[in-house]
Amino acid sequence: MEKKYDLSVLMPAIRTHQWLKMYESLKLSCKKHTFQLVLVSPFDLPSSMKNLDNVKLVQDWGNPVRCSQLGVDHCDSDLIYMSTDDAMFIEDAIDHSLDYYNDKCQQKDILNMRYTEGVNRSGKTMPEGYWHAHSHDDMKLIGIPKNYKFSMQFICSKDYFKKLGGMDCQFEYVVYSLCDFCFRLQADGGIIHDSPCDVQNCDWYPTVTIDHKPIHEAQTNHDLPIFQKLYSSKENVALDRILLDFDDWKNTPAQWDRRFKGTKPNSYIDVMKLNNL
């Protein structure tokens, strides 16, 4: 397929009430380069976005890892940017970052798109050491080399992402699956570069507040034990699992019952009601 855009911004997404404002911030952040927004969601686009040529909606009811993985093949660019729909992008920041990526990064490298995170997007710039795995207690494991970094939101080659198999679909949420991807990439010789500036401001929903309960429970009760068992088994575990099956997402449940509870809500508001939020 011929490349249509310089960058595809890919998001598993349910917060329809924020999408237009997020898209408008994306336009201000990426003026020099062409971009596409790919939203993987159970919900339709708001009417205000249905005529936007560079916005694509892929419908799926699966967990965030499944949605991210299946969305990759719907991206009409050689480069994908893994992101989230609670973000507002900083003016000109994607342009600066893409220029940096094109100048400095090889195919195996990714660009960590640095972000702030805080309630009502009040967070401050993270220190450089934040992006090192062993700066975090849950990643101080024998199987993770002390020089390894991680990234939660990044630009990378779509072909290389798929070659490595993308994310491990035994995880439900993206945090530990993306850490695992980053470790496998570094085991394969890839480098994680940091973006030259903060690129976006992310909201933060502590523990089970707002719509975060299913994510918190998946990450804490399901994903973390798998991750810690995996990376406590031997030194540099990623060397033995660089390549995974990209299509393994097809073996995951088509509906994420941790959020949707066996039903198919029609809107984000219905999801909030379903979860008593």
Protein backbone atom coordinates (compact mmCIF):
# COMPACT_ATOMS: atom_id res chain seq x y z
CA MET A 1 0.00 0.00 0.00
CA GLU A 2 1.36 3.39 -0.95
CA LYS A 3 2.12 5.72 1.95
CA LYS A 4 -0.51 8.45 2.27
CA TYR A 5 0.71 10.30 5.37
CA ASP A 6 3.99 11.11 7.08
CA LEU A 7 2.65 9.81 10.38
CA SER A 8 -0.27 7.74 11.67
CA VAL A 9 -1.29 8.53 15.26
CA LEU A 10 -2.87 5.38 16.69
CA MET A 11 -5.07 5.28 19.79
CA PRO A 12 -7.29 2.73 21.54
CA ALA A 13 -10.08 5.12 22.44
CA ILE A 14 -13.40 5.45 24.26
CA ARG A 15 -13.52 9.13 25.35
CA THR A 16 -15.56 10.43 22.45
CA HIS A 17 -16.29 13.73 24.23
CA GLN A 18 -12.57 14.62 24.04
CA TRP A 19 -11.76 13.55 20.51
CA LEU A 20 -12.44 16.77 18.60
CA LYS A 21 -10.44 18.93 21.02
CA MET A 22 -7.63 16.38 20.94
CA TYR A 23 -7.69 16.37 17.13
CA GLU A 24 -7.52 20.16 17.02
CA SER A 25 -4.45 20.09 19.26
CA LEU A 26 -2.94 17.45 16.99
CA LYS A 27 -3.32 19.78 14.00
CA LEU A 28 -1.42 22.51 15.85
CA SER A 29 1.31 20.09 16.83
CA CYS A 30 1.81 18.69 13.34
CA LYS A 31 1.70 21.51 10.78
CA LYS A 32 4.71 20.75 8.59
CA HIS A 33 4.00 17.05 8.16
CA THR A 34 0.90 15.18 7.08
CA PHE A 35 -0.80 13.01 9.67
CA GLN A 36 -3.64 10.58 10.11
CA LEU A 37 -5.53 9.86 13.33
CA VAL A 38 -6.59 6.21 13.73
CA LEU A 39 -9.02 5.60 16.59
CA VAL A 40 -9.85 2.02 17.58
CA SER A 41 -13.06 2.16 19.55
CA PRO A 42 -16.46 0.54 20.02
CA PHE A 43 -18.06 3.95 19.50
CA ASP A 44 -18.69 5.95 16.35
CA LEU A 45 -17.05 9.24 15.52
CA PRO A 46 -18.86 12.36 16.74
CA SER A 47 -20.76 14.04 13.93
CA SER A 48 -18.28 16.93 14.07
CA MET A 49 -15.48 14.58 12.95
CA LYS A 50 -17.14 12.41 10.32
CA ASN A 51 -16.07 14.60 7.40
CA LEU A 52 -12.38 14.71 8.36
CA ASP A 53 -10.44 12.90 5.64
CA ASN A 54 -7.46 12.13 7.88
CA VAL A 55 -9.45 10.49 10.68
CA LYS A 56 -10.20 6.77 10.59
CA LEU A 57 -12.44 4.87 13.01
CA VAL A 58 -11.86 1.13 13.45
CA GLN A 59 -14.59 -0.50 15.54
CA ASP A 60 -13.56 -3.09 18.11
CA TRP A 61 -14.69 -4.06 21.62
CA GLY A 62 -11.46 -5.68 22.73
CA ASN A 63 -8.94 -4.72 25.41
CA PRO A 64 -6.49 -1.85 24.77
CA VAL A 65 -3.62 -4.13 23.71
CA ARG A 66 -5.80 -5.92 21.16
CA CYS A 67 -7.13 -2.58 19.87
CA SER A 68 -3.64 -1.12 19.50
CA GLN A 69 -2.34 -4.21 17.73
CA LEU A 70 -5.17 -4.59 15.24
CA GLY A 71 -5.11 -0.85 14.53
CA VAL A 72 -1.57 -1.02 13.13
CA ASP A 73 -2.71 -2.52 9.82
CA HIS A 74 -5.18 0.35 9.39
CA CYS A 75 -2.40 2.96 9.52
CA ASP A 76 -1.63 4.49 6.11
CA SER A 77 1.91 5.57 6.92
CA ASP A 78 5.36 4.07 7.26
CA LEU A 79 5.56 5.55 10.77
CA ILE A 80 3.15 4.98 13.63
CA TYR A 81 2.80 6.99 16.83
CA MET A 82 1.33 5.02 19.72
CA SER A 83 -0.70 7.43 21.85
CA THR A 84 -3.78 7.79 24.08
CA ASP A 85 -7.06 9.69 23.85
CA ASP A 86 -6.64 11.54 27.16
CA ALA A 87 -3.85 13.62 25.62
CA MET A 88 -3.68 17.16 24.32
CA PHE A 89 -0.77 17.81 22.00
CA ILE A 90 1.65 20.71 22.35
CA GLU A 91 1.92 23.14 19.46
CA ASP A 92 4.70 22.33 16.96
CA ALA A 93 5.97 19.46 19.15
CA ILE A 94 5.21 16.62 16.72
CA ASP A 95 6.89 18.57 13.91
CA HIS A 96 10.06 19.01 15.99
CA SER A 97 9.95 15.34 16.97
CA LEU A 98 9.43 14.03 13.45
CA ASP A 99 12.33 16.15 12.22
CA TYR A 100 14.47 14.63 14.97
CA TYR A 101 13.31 11.08 14.15
CA ASN A 102 14.03 11.51 10.45
CA ASP A 103 17.50 12.91 11.20
CA LYS A 104 18.66 10.61 14.02
CA CYS A 105 16.74 7.33 14.05
CA GLN A 106 17.38 4.10 12.18
CA GLN A 107 14.69 1.52 11.41
CA LYS A 108 15.20 -0.37 14.68
CA ASP A 109 15.07 2.81 16.77
CA ILE A 110 12.04 4.44 18.35
CA LEU A 111 11.49 8.00 19.50
CA ASN A 112 10.09 8.26 23.02
CA MET A 113 7.44 10.97 22.73
CA ARG A 114 7.86 12.56 26.13
CA TYR A 115 4.73 13.71 27.90
CA THR A 116 3.54 15.24 31.13
CA GLU A 117 0.92 13.53 33.26
CA GLY A 118 -1.23 14.92 36.05
CA VAL A 119 -4.79 15.57 37.16
CA ASN A 120 -6.39 17.95 34.63
CA ARG A 121 -3.10 17.77 32.66
CA SER A 122 -1.23 19.61 35.40
CA GLY A 123 1.91 17.46 35.24
CA LYS A 124 5.45 18.76 34.83
CA THR A 125 8.28 17.62 32.56
CA MET A 126 9.62 14.22 33.60
CA PRO A 127 13.33 14.03 34.54
CA GLU A 128 15.52 12.16 32.05
CA GLY A 129 15.96 9.27 34.47
CA TYR A 130 12.21 8.62 34.54
CA TRP A 131 12.50 6.77 31.22
CA HIS A 132 14.99 4.22 32.60
CA ALA A 133 13.35 0.95 33.64
CA HIS A 134 15.25 0.55 36.91
CA SER A 135 14.00 3.96 38.08
CA HIS A 136 10.71 2.20 38.84
CA ASP A 137 10.27 -0.39 41.59
CA ASP A 138 8.08 -2.68 39.47
CA MET A 139 10.87 -2.97 36.87
CA LYS A 140 13.86 -3.56 39.16
CA LEU A 141 13.98 -7.17 38.00
CA ILE A 142 16.85 -9.47 37.15
CA GLY A 143 15.52 -10.01 33.64
CA ILE A 144 15.71 -6.31 32.73
CA PRO A 145 19.22 -4.91 32.11
CA LYS A 146 19.95 -1.79 34.13
CA ASN A 147 20.68 0.27 31.01
CA TYR A 148 17.32 -0.47 29.37
CA LYS A 149 14.82 2.32 28.80
CA PHE A 150 11.10 2.20 28.13
CA SER A 151 8.51 4.34 26.38
CA MET A 152 4.75 4.49 26.73
CA GLN A 153 4.19 6.65 23.65
CA PHE A 154 6.55 6.54 20.71
CA ILE A 155 7.16 6.89 16.99
CA CYS A 156 8.45 3.81 15.25
CA SER A 157 8.60 2.08 11.90
CA LYS A 158 5.36 0.22 11.27
CA ASP A 159 7.19 -2.56 9.43
CA TYR A 160 9.68 -3.04 12.27
CA PHE A 161 6.94 -2.99 14.90
CA LYS A 162 5.21 -5.79 13.02
CA LYS A 163 8.47 -7.69 12.45
CA LEU A 164 9.03 -7.88 16.21
CA GLY A 165 5.41 -8.97 16.67
CA GLY A 166 4.34 -5.71 18.31
CA MET A 167 2.90 -6.19 21.77
CA ASP A 168 2.55 -9.41 23.71
CA CYS A 169 -1.20 -10.02 23.70
CA GLN A 170 -1.24 -11.97 26.96
CA PHE A 171 -1.39 -8.51 28.56
CA GLU A 172 -4.68 -6.59 28.63
CA TYR A 173 -3.42 -3.04 29.06
CA VAL A 174 -0.61 -1.30 27.20
CA VAL A 175 1.79 -0.35 30.05
CA TYR A 176 3.61 -3.65 30.54
CA SER A 177 3.09 -4.79 26.97
CA LEU A 178 4.83 -1.64 25.71
CA CYS A 179 7.63 -2.04 28.26
CA ASP A 180 8.10 -5.59 27.01
CA PHE A 181 8.17 -4.36 23.39
CA CYS A 182 10.82 -1.79 24.29
CA PHE A 183 12.99 -4.41 25.99
CA ARG A 184 12.71 -6.75 22.99
CA LEU A 185 13.59 -3.89 20.66
CA GLN A 186 16.72 -3.07 22.68
CA ALA A 187 17.67 -6.75 22.80
CA ASP A 188 17.52 -6.64 18.99
CA GLY A 189 19.90 -3.68 18.87
CA GLY A 190 17.36 -0.86 18.70
CA ILE A 191 17.85 2.43 20.51
CA ILE A 192 15.23 4.50 22.35
CA HIS A 193 15.79 8.19 21.69
CA ASP A 194 13.98 10.88 23.70
CA SER A 195 11.97 13.51 21.85
CA PRO A 196 13.57 16.97 21.84
CA CYS A 197 10.62 18.40 23.79
CA ASP A 198 7.46 17.38 25.62
CA VAL A 199 4.92 16.42 22.98
CA GLN A 200 1.68 16.13 24.90
CA ASN A 201 -0.01 16.74 28.20
CA CYS A 202 -1.89 13.70 29.53
CA ASP A 203 -4.63 13.60 32.12
CA TRP A 204 -4.27 11.27 35.10
CA TYR A 205 -7.00 9.26 36.78
CA PRO A 206 -5.61 7.75 40.01
CA THR A 207 -6.48 4.10 40.78
CA VAL A 208 -10.23 3.58 40.15
CA THR A 209 -11.35 7.19 39.60
CA ILE A 210 -13.34 8.43 36.57
CA ASP A 211 -13.20 5.67 33.91
CA HIS A 212 -9.93 4.13 35.09
CA LYS A 213 -11.14 1.18 37.19
CA PRO A 214 -10.92 -1.53 34.49
CA ILE A 215 -7.48 -0.27 33.45
CA HIS A 216 -6.20 -0.14 37.02
CA GLU A 217 -7.48 -3.65 37.75
CA ALA A 218 -6.10 -5.08 34.51
CA GLN A 219 -2.69 -3.49 34.96
CA THR A 220 -2.35 -4.26 38.67
CA ASN A 221 -4.10 -7.60 39.14
CA HIS A 222 -3.62 -9.26 35.76
CA ASP A 223 -0.68 -7.77 33.85
CA LEU A 224 1.82 -6.98 36.61
CA PRO A 225 2.05 -10.58 37.94
CA ILE A 226 2.64 -11.87 34.40
CA PHE A 227 5.28 -9.22 33.74
CA GLN A 228 7.14 -9.79 37.01
CA LYS A 229 7.13 -13.57 36.61
CA LEU A 230 8.39 -13.24 33.04
CA TYR A 231 11.22 -10.84 33.86
CA SER A 232 12.31 -12.55 37.08
CA SER A 233 13.19 -15.85 35.44
CA LYS A 234 16.74 -15.12 34.20
CA GLU A 235 19.03 -12.32 33.07
CA ASN A 236 17.97 -10.33 30.00
CA VAL A 237 14.81 -12.28 29.25
CA ALA A 238 14.13 -10.26 26.10
CA LEU A 239 17.02 -11.89 24.25
CA ASP A 240 15.01 -15.12 24.10
CA ARG A 241 11.73 -13.51 23.00
CA ILE A 242 12.59 -10.77 20.52
CA LEU A 243 10.14 -12.00 17.89
CA LEU A 244 6.48 -12.69 18.71
CA ASP A 245 3.48 -13.52 16.55
CA PHE A 246 1.98 -10.21 15.47
CA ASP A 247 -1.38 -11.81 14.70
CA ASP A 248 -1.76 -13.23 18.20
CA TRP A 249 -4.28 -10.45 18.91
CA LYS A 250 -6.74 -12.52 16.89
CA ASN A 251 -6.70 -15.08 19.72
CA THR A 252 -7.81 -12.56 22.35
CA PRO A 253 -11.46 -12.05 23.39
CA ALA A 254 -13.39 -9.90 20.93
CA GLN A 255 -15.00 -8.10 23.87
CA TRP A 256 -13.21 -6.82 26.97
CA ASP A 257 -15.64 -7.80 29.69
CA ARG A 258 -13.54 -6.15 32.38
CA ARG A 259 -14.92 -2.88 30.98
CA PHE A 260 -18.04 -3.87 29.07
CA LYS A 261 -19.35 -6.62 31.39
CA GLY A 262 -20.82 -8.76 28.63
CA THR A 263 -22.85 -5.92 27.14
CA LYS A 264 -22.35 -3.51 24.25
CA PRO A 265 -22.97 0.03 25.54
CA ASN A 266 -23.85 2.59 22.90
CA SER A 267 -21.73 5.44 24.26
CA TYR A 268 -19.07 6.54 26.71
CA ILE A 269 -21.85 7.76 29.02
CA ASP A 270 -23.37 4.27 29.01
CA VAL A 271 -19.97 2.81 29.94
CA MET A 272 -19.75 5.15 32.92
CA LYS A 273 -23.22 4.10 34.06
CA LEU A 274 -22.40 0.43 33.56
CA ASN A 275 -19.40 0.77 35.87
CA ASN A 276 -21.36 2.87 38.41
CA LEU A 277 -19.19 5.91 37.71
